[in-house]
Amino acid sequence: RRVIFRSEAGVSPELLIQVDLAGEATKSGAPADEVPRLFDAAHRCRAAKVVGLMTLPPVPDTPEDARPWFRRLRALRDEWRAAGVPDSMLRELSMGMSGDFEVAVQEGATLVRVGTAIFGSRHVEPR
């Protein structure tokens, strides 16, 4: 029995590079200065496709407090595009959640995460 990988079937998962703009210990992602290396590696990858960027800013007190983080990711995207990163790798900007998605959309978000607005808050047990 032969296993066929998705990439062999012509289907590649689409990935986002999470960019760590705030340096918070509770979140992860690539520092902005390391992202160009990830684009280079992704360009050589045939099993998956990088299609954009995402960020998780510090939890804002108000939606407006998240704006600088969203604006920074959009500016980085524009810089990398101007430096020659293919548009296909910068198609998506995933930023914004239920409490600040309007600001994220104003700053260029193409994907937002609004689970809490749809499903309500969830209780997470400590590990």
N, C-alpha and C. Protein backbone atom coordinates (compact mmCIF):
# COMPACT_ATOMS: atom_id res chain seq x y z
N ARG A 1 0.85 -1.17 0.00
CA ARG A 1 0.00 0.00 0.00
C ARG A 1 0.89 1.23 0.00
N ARG A 2 0.63 2.15 -0.88
CA ARG A 2 1.43 3.35 -1.03
C ARG A 2 0.68 4.54 -0.44
N VAL A 3 1.37 5.33 0.37
CA VAL A 3 0.80 6.55 0.93
C VAL A 3 1.10 7.68 -0.04
N ILE A 4 0.07 8.43 -0.37
CA ILE A 4 0.24 9.59 -1.25
C ILE A 4 0.14 10.84 -0.40
N PHE A 5 1.21 11.62 -0.43
CA PHE A 5 1.21 12.88 0.29
C PHE A 5 0.40 13.90 -0.46
N ARG A 6 -0.15 14.85 0.27
CA ARG A 6 -0.97 15.89 -0.36
C ARG A 6 -0.20 16.60 -1.46
N SER A 7 1.10 16.84 -1.23
CA SER A 7 1.88 17.56 -2.24
C SER A 7 2.01 16.75 -3.52
N GLU A 8 2.07 15.42 -3.39
CA GLU A 8 2.15 14.57 -4.58
C GLU A 8 0.83 14.61 -5.34
N ALA A 9 -0.24 14.83 -4.65
CA ALA A 9 -1.56 14.88 -5.28
C ALA A 9 -1.85 16.27 -5.85
N GLY A 10 -0.87 17.16 -5.75
CA GLY A 10 -1.05 18.51 -6.28
C GLY A 10 -1.75 19.45 -5.32
N VAL A 11 -1.88 19.05 -4.07
CA VAL A 11 -2.53 19.88 -3.06
C VAL A 11 -1.49 20.26 -2.01
N SER A 12 -1.29 21.53 -1.82
CA SER A 12 -0.32 22.00 -0.84
C SER A 12 -1.02 22.82 0.22
N PRO A 13 -0.77 22.55 1.49
CA PRO A 13 -1.37 23.39 2.52
C PRO A 13 -0.85 24.82 2.40
N GLU A 14 -1.69 25.76 2.70
CA GLU A 14 -1.31 27.16 2.68
C GLU A 14 -0.99 27.59 4.11
N LEU A 15 0.15 28.23 4.28
CA LEU A 15 0.65 28.60 5.59
C LEU A 15 0.82 30.11 5.70
N LEU A 16 0.74 30.58 6.93
CA LEU A 16 1.03 31.97 7.25
C LEU A 16 2.25 31.99 8.16
N ILE A 17 3.10 32.97 7.99
CA ILE A 17 4.23 33.16 8.89
C ILE A 17 3.77 34.08 10.00
N GLN A 18 3.86 33.59 11.24
CA GLN A 18 3.49 34.42 12.38
C GLN A 18 4.68 35.30 12.73
N VAL A 19 4.47 36.60 12.68
CA VAL A 19 5.52 37.57 12.94
C VAL A 19 5.35 38.09 14.37
N ASP A 20 6.40 37.93 15.16
CA ASP A 20 6.38 38.39 16.55
C ASP A 20 6.82 39.84 16.59
N LEU A 21 5.87 40.73 16.71
CA LEU A 21 6.18 42.16 16.73
C LEU A 21 6.35 42.70 18.14
N ALA A 22 5.74 42.06 19.13
CA ALA A 22 5.73 42.60 20.49
C ALA A 22 6.75 41.96 21.41
N GLY A 23 7.26 40.79 21.04
CA GLY A 23 8.24 40.12 21.89
C GLY A 23 7.69 39.64 23.22
N GLU A 24 6.41 39.32 23.26
CA GLU A 24 5.80 38.82 24.50
C GLU A 24 6.19 37.37 24.74
N ALA A 25 6.50 37.03 25.97
CA ALA A 25 6.90 35.66 26.30
C ALA A 25 5.76 34.67 26.13
N THR A 26 4.52 35.13 26.20
CA THR A 26 3.37 34.23 26.12
C THR A 26 2.97 33.90 24.68
N LYS A 27 3.61 34.56 23.71
CA LYS A 27 3.27 34.32 22.31
C LYS A 27 4.54 33.96 21.55
N SER A 28 4.34 33.36 20.40
CA SER A 28 5.51 32.98 19.61
C SER A 28 5.39 33.54 18.21
N GLY A 29 6.40 33.31 17.45
CA GLY A 29 6.46 33.79 16.08
C GLY A 29 7.88 34.15 15.74
N ALA A 30 8.12 34.45 14.50
CA ALA A 30 9.45 34.82 14.04
C ALA A 30 9.66 36.31 14.23
N PRO A 31 10.81 36.69 14.76
CA PRO A 31 11.12 38.12 14.78
C PRO A 31 11.15 38.66 13.35
N ALA A 32 10.76 39.89 13.17
CA ALA A 32 10.65 40.47 11.83
C ALA A 32 11.95 40.34 11.04
N ASP A 33 13.09 40.47 11.69
CA ASP A 33 14.35 40.41 10.95
C ASP A 33 14.70 39.01 10.46
N GLU A 34 14.00 37.98 10.95
CA GLU A 34 14.24 36.62 10.49
C GLU A 34 13.27 36.17 9.40
N VAL A 35 12.21 36.93 9.18
CA VAL A 35 11.18 36.53 8.22
C VAL A 35 11.72 36.40 6.79
N PRO A 36 12.59 37.27 6.31
CA PRO A 36 13.11 37.08 4.95
C PRO A 36 13.77 35.71 4.74
N ARG A 37 14.44 35.18 5.74
CA ARG A 37 15.02 33.82 5.63
C ARG A 37 13.92 32.78 5.48
N LEU A 38 12.79 32.99 6.16
CA LEU A 38 11.68 32.06 6.04
C LEU A 38 11.07 32.11 4.64
N PHE A 39 11.00 33.31 4.06
CA PHE A 39 10.52 33.41 2.68
C PHE A 39 11.43 32.63 1.74
N ASP A 40 12.74 32.75 1.94
CA ASP A 40 13.69 32.01 1.10
C ASP A 40 13.47 30.51 1.22
N ALA A 41 13.33 30.03 2.45
CA ALA A 41 13.10 28.60 2.67
C ALA A 41 11.76 28.18 2.07
N ALA A 42 10.75 28.99 2.23
CA ALA A 42 9.42 28.67 1.72
C ALA A 42 9.41 28.62 0.19
N HIS A 43 10.22 29.46 -0.41
CA HIS A 43 10.30 29.49 -1.88
C HIS A 43 10.79 28.15 -2.43
N ARG A 44 11.64 27.47 -1.65
CA ARG A 44 12.19 26.17 -2.08
C ARG A 44 11.29 25.00 -1.69
N CYS A 45 10.32 25.24 -0.84
CA CYS A 45 9.46 24.17 -0.33
C CYS A 45 8.39 23.81 -1.37
N ARG A 46 8.23 22.52 -1.62
CA ARG A 46 7.21 22.08 -2.56
C ARG A 46 6.01 21.44 -1.86
N ALA A 47 6.13 21.15 -0.58
CA ALA A 47 5.06 20.47 0.14
C ALA A 47 4.02 21.42 0.72
N ALA A 48 4.36 22.70 0.81
CA ALA A 48 3.44 23.68 1.39
C ALA A 48 3.74 25.03 0.76
N LYS A 49 2.76 25.95 0.87
CA LYS A 49 2.93 27.28 0.30
C LYS A 49 2.69 28.33 1.38
N VAL A 50 3.61 29.26 1.50
CA VAL A 50 3.40 30.42 2.36
C VAL A 50 2.58 31.41 1.56
N VAL A 51 1.47 31.87 2.14
CA VAL A 51 0.57 32.79 1.43
C VAL A 51 0.35 34.10 2.18
N GLY A 52 1.04 34.28 3.31
CA GLY A 52 0.83 35.53 4.01
C GLY A 52 1.46 35.56 5.38
N LEU A 53 1.06 36.57 6.12
CA LEU A 53 1.61 36.87 7.43
C LEU A 53 0.49 36.97 8.46
N MET A 54 0.86 36.73 9.70
CA MET A 54 -0.09 36.94 10.79
C MET A 54 0.65 37.50 11.98
N THR A 55 -0.06 38.15 12.86
CA THR A 55 0.51 38.62 14.10
C THR A 55 -0.54 38.57 15.20
N LEU A 56 -0.06 38.46 16.41
CA LEU A 56 -0.91 38.50 17.60
C LEU A 56 -0.38 39.61 18.49
N PRO A 57 -1.01 40.78 18.48
CA PRO A 57 -0.51 41.88 19.31
C PRO A 57 -0.81 41.63 20.78
N PRO A 58 -0.21 42.43 21.66
CA PRO A 58 -0.60 42.35 23.06
C PRO A 58 -2.11 42.59 23.17
N VAL A 59 -2.73 41.99 24.16
CA VAL A 59 -4.17 42.17 24.35
C VAL A 59 -4.43 43.66 24.60
N PRO A 60 -5.22 44.27 23.71
CA PRO A 60 -5.43 45.71 23.84
C PRO A 60 -6.51 46.05 24.87
N ASP A 61 -6.36 47.22 25.50
CA ASP A 61 -7.42 47.73 26.39
C ASP A 61 -8.60 48.21 25.55
N THR A 62 -8.29 48.80 24.41
CA THR A 62 -9.31 49.25 23.47
C THR A 62 -8.91 48.77 22.08
N PRO A 63 -9.84 48.60 21.17
CA PRO A 63 -9.47 48.17 19.81
C PRO A 63 -8.42 49.08 19.18
N GLU A 64 -8.51 50.36 19.45
CA GLU A 64 -7.56 51.32 18.87
C GLU A 64 -6.12 51.05 19.32
N ASP A 65 -5.95 50.46 20.50
CA ASP A 65 -4.60 50.15 20.99
C ASP A 65 -3.89 49.10 20.13
N ALA A 66 -4.64 48.32 19.39
CA ALA A 66 -4.05 47.30 18.53
C ALA A 66 -3.58 47.87 17.18
N ARG A 67 -4.06 49.03 16.82
CA ARG A 67 -3.77 49.61 15.50
C ARG A 67 -2.28 49.68 15.17
N PRO A 68 -1.40 50.14 16.07
CA PRO A 68 0.02 50.22 15.70
C PRO A 68 0.63 48.87 15.31
N TRP A 69 0.17 47.82 15.95
CA TRP A 69 0.70 46.49 15.63
C TRP A 69 0.23 46.06 14.25
N PHE A 70 -1.03 46.28 13.93
CA PHE A 70 -1.56 45.93 12.61
C PHE A 70 -0.90 46.78 11.52
N ARG A 71 -0.74 48.05 11.82
CA ARG A 71 -0.10 48.95 10.86
C ARG A 71 1.34 48.51 10.59
N ARG A 72 2.04 48.06 11.62
CA ARG A 72 3.43 47.61 11.47
C ARG A 72 3.51 46.37 10.60
N LEU A 73 2.61 45.42 10.79
CA LEU A 73 2.65 44.21 9.96
C LEU A 73 2.38 44.57 8.50
N ARG A 74 1.42 45.45 8.27
CA ARG A 74 1.13 45.87 6.89
C ARG A 74 2.35 46.57 6.27
N ALA A 75 3.02 47.40 7.05
CA ALA A 75 4.22 48.10 6.54
C ALA A 75 5.33 47.10 6.22
N LEU A 76 5.50 46.10 7.08
CA LEU A 76 6.51 45.07 6.80
C LEU A 76 6.16 44.32 5.52
N ARG A 77 4.88 43.97 5.37
CA ARG A 77 4.45 43.30 4.14
C ARG A 77 4.80 44.15 2.92
N ASP A 78 4.54 45.44 2.99
CA ASP A 78 4.84 46.33 1.88
C ASP A 78 6.34 46.43 1.62
N GLU A 79 7.14 46.46 2.68
CA GLU A 79 8.60 46.48 2.53
C GLU A 79 9.10 45.21 1.85
N TRP A 80 8.60 44.07 2.31
CA TRP A 80 9.05 42.80 1.73
C TRP A 80 8.59 42.66 0.29
N ARG A 81 7.42 43.15 -0.01
CA ARG A 81 6.94 43.14 -1.40
C ARG A 81 7.87 44.00 -2.27
N ALA A 82 8.23 45.18 -1.80
CA ALA A 82 9.11 46.08 -2.54
C ALA A 82 10.51 45.48 -2.70
N ALA A 83 10.90 44.63 -1.75
CA ALA A 83 12.22 43.98 -1.81
C ALA A 83 12.22 42.76 -2.72
N GLY A 84 11.05 42.41 -3.28
CA GLY A 84 11.01 41.32 -4.25
C GLY A 84 10.36 40.03 -3.79
N VAL A 85 9.81 39.99 -2.58
CA VAL A 85 9.08 38.79 -2.16
C VAL A 85 7.85 38.69 -3.05
N PRO A 86 7.61 37.51 -3.63
CA PRO A 86 6.46 37.37 -4.55
C PRO A 86 5.13 37.70 -3.88
N ASP A 87 4.25 38.35 -4.65
CA ASP A 87 2.91 38.67 -4.15
C ASP A 87 2.17 37.44 -3.64
N SER A 88 2.42 36.29 -4.26
CA SER A 88 1.72 35.07 -3.86
C SER A 88 2.06 34.68 -2.43
N MET A 89 3.22 35.12 -1.91
CA MET A 89 3.62 34.82 -0.54
C MET A 89 3.13 35.88 0.44
N LEU A 90 2.53 36.94 -0.07
CA LEU A 90 2.10 38.05 0.78
C LEU A 90 0.62 38.37 0.57
N ARG A 91 -0.12 37.41 0.08
CA ARG A 91 -1.53 37.61 -0.27
C ARG A 91 -2.40 37.89 0.95
N GLU A 92 -2.13 37.24 2.06
CA GLU A 92 -2.99 37.35 3.24
C GLU A 92 -2.30 38.09 4.38
N LEU A 93 -3.08 38.86 5.10
CA LEU A 93 -2.67 39.47 6.36
C LEU A 93 -3.69 39.05 7.40
N SER A 94 -3.30 38.15 8.28
CA SER A 94 -4.20 37.67 9.32
C SER A 94 -3.90 38.43 10.60
N MET A 95 -4.81 39.31 10.96
CA MET A 95 -4.63 40.11 12.16
C MET A 95 -6.01 40.57 12.61
N GLY A 96 -6.17 40.63 13.89
CA GLY A 96 -7.45 41.03 14.44
C GLY A 96 -8.24 39.86 14.95
N MET A 97 -8.88 40.10 16.08
CA MET A 97 -9.74 39.09 16.69
C MET A 97 -11.07 39.74 17.02
N SER A 98 -11.91 39.04 17.72
CA SER A 98 -13.27 39.51 17.97
C SER A 98 -13.33 40.93 18.51
N GLY A 99 -12.41 41.32 19.37
CA GLY A 99 -12.47 42.62 20.00
C GLY A 99 -11.88 43.76 19.20
N ASP A 100 -11.11 43.45 18.16
CA ASP A 100 -10.43 44.53 17.44
C ASP A 100 -10.41 44.33 15.93
N PHE A 101 -11.26 43.46 15.43
CA PHE A 101 -11.19 43.13 14.01
C PHE A 101 -11.52 44.31 13.10
N GLU A 102 -12.38 45.24 13.57
CA GLU A 102 -12.71 46.39 12.72
C GLU A 102 -11.46 47.22 12.43
N VAL A 103 -10.64 47.45 13.46
CA VAL A 103 -9.40 48.19 13.29
C VAL A 103 -8.45 47.41 12.39
N ALA A 104 -8.39 46.10 12.56
CA ALA A 104 -7.52 45.27 11.73
C ALA A 104 -7.92 45.37 10.26
N VAL A 105 -9.20 45.33 9.98
CA VAL A 105 -9.66 45.44 8.60
C VAL A 105 -9.30 46.82 8.04
N GLN A 106 -9.45 47.85 8.84
CA GLN A 106 -9.07 49.19 8.40
C GLN A 106 -7.58 49.26 8.05
N GLU A 107 -6.77 48.45 8.72
CA GLU A 107 -5.33 48.44 8.48
C GLU A 107 -4.90 47.40 7.45
N GLY A 108 -5.86 46.73 6.81
CA GLY A 108 -5.51 45.84 5.70
C GLY A 108 -5.67 44.36 5.93
N ALA A 109 -6.25 43.95 7.04
CA ALA A 109 -6.43 42.52 7.29
C ALA A 109 -7.28 41.89 6.19
N THR A 110 -6.87 40.70 5.77
CA THR A 110 -7.67 39.91 4.83
C THR A 110 -8.29 38.71 5.53
N LEU A 111 -7.75 38.37 6.69
CA LEU A 111 -8.29 37.28 7.52
C LEU A 111 -8.39 37.81 8.95
N VAL A 112 -9.50 37.52 9.61
CA VAL A 112 -9.67 37.87 11.02
C VAL A 112 -10.15 36.63 11.76
N ARG A 113 -9.86 36.59 13.06
CA ARG A 113 -10.26 35.45 13.88
C ARG A 113 -11.33 35.94 14.85
N VAL A 114 -12.56 35.51 14.62
CA VAL A 114 -13.68 36.05 15.39
C VAL A 114 -14.48 34.95 16.09
N GLY A 115 -13.83 33.93 16.55
CA GLY A 115 -14.51 32.81 17.21
C GLY A 115 -15.29 33.22 18.44
N THR A 116 -14.73 34.08 19.26
CA THR A 116 -15.42 34.51 20.48
C THR A 116 -16.70 35.27 20.14
N ALA A 117 -16.66 36.09 19.10
CA ALA A 117 -17.86 36.83 18.71
C ALA A 117 -18.96 35.90 18.23
N ILE A 118 -18.57 34.77 17.66
CA ILE A 118 -19.56 33.82 17.14
C ILE A 118 -19.98 32.81 18.20
N PHE A 119 -19.00 32.23 18.90
CA PHE A 119 -19.28 31.12 19.81
C PHE A 119 -19.28 31.50 21.29
N GLY A 120 -18.87 32.72 21.61
CA GLY A 120 -18.78 33.13 23.00
C GLY A 120 -17.44 32.77 23.60
N SER A 121 -17.23 33.22 24.83
CA SER A 121 -15.97 32.95 25.52
C SER A 121 -15.85 31.47 25.83
N ARG A 122 -14.62 31.04 25.94
CA ARG A 122 -14.40 29.65 26.31
C ARG A 122 -13.53 29.61 27.55
N HIS A 123 -13.74 28.62 28.34
CA HIS A 123 -12.95 28.42 29.55
C HIS A 123 -11.82 27.46 29.21
N VAL A 124 -10.61 27.88 29.47
CA VAL A 124 -9.44 27.02 29.20
C VAL A 124 -8.86 26.61 30.54
N GLU A 125 -8.74 25.30 30.73
CA GLU A 125 -8.17 24.78 31.96
C GLU A 125 -6.67 25.02 31.97
N PRO A 126 -6.11 25.45 33.09
CA PRO A 126 -4.65 25.62 33.17
C PRO A 126 -3.96 24.27 33.03
N ARG A 127 -2.78 24.31 32.47
CA ARG A 127 -2.05 23.04 32.29
C ARG A 127 -1.26 22.66 33.50
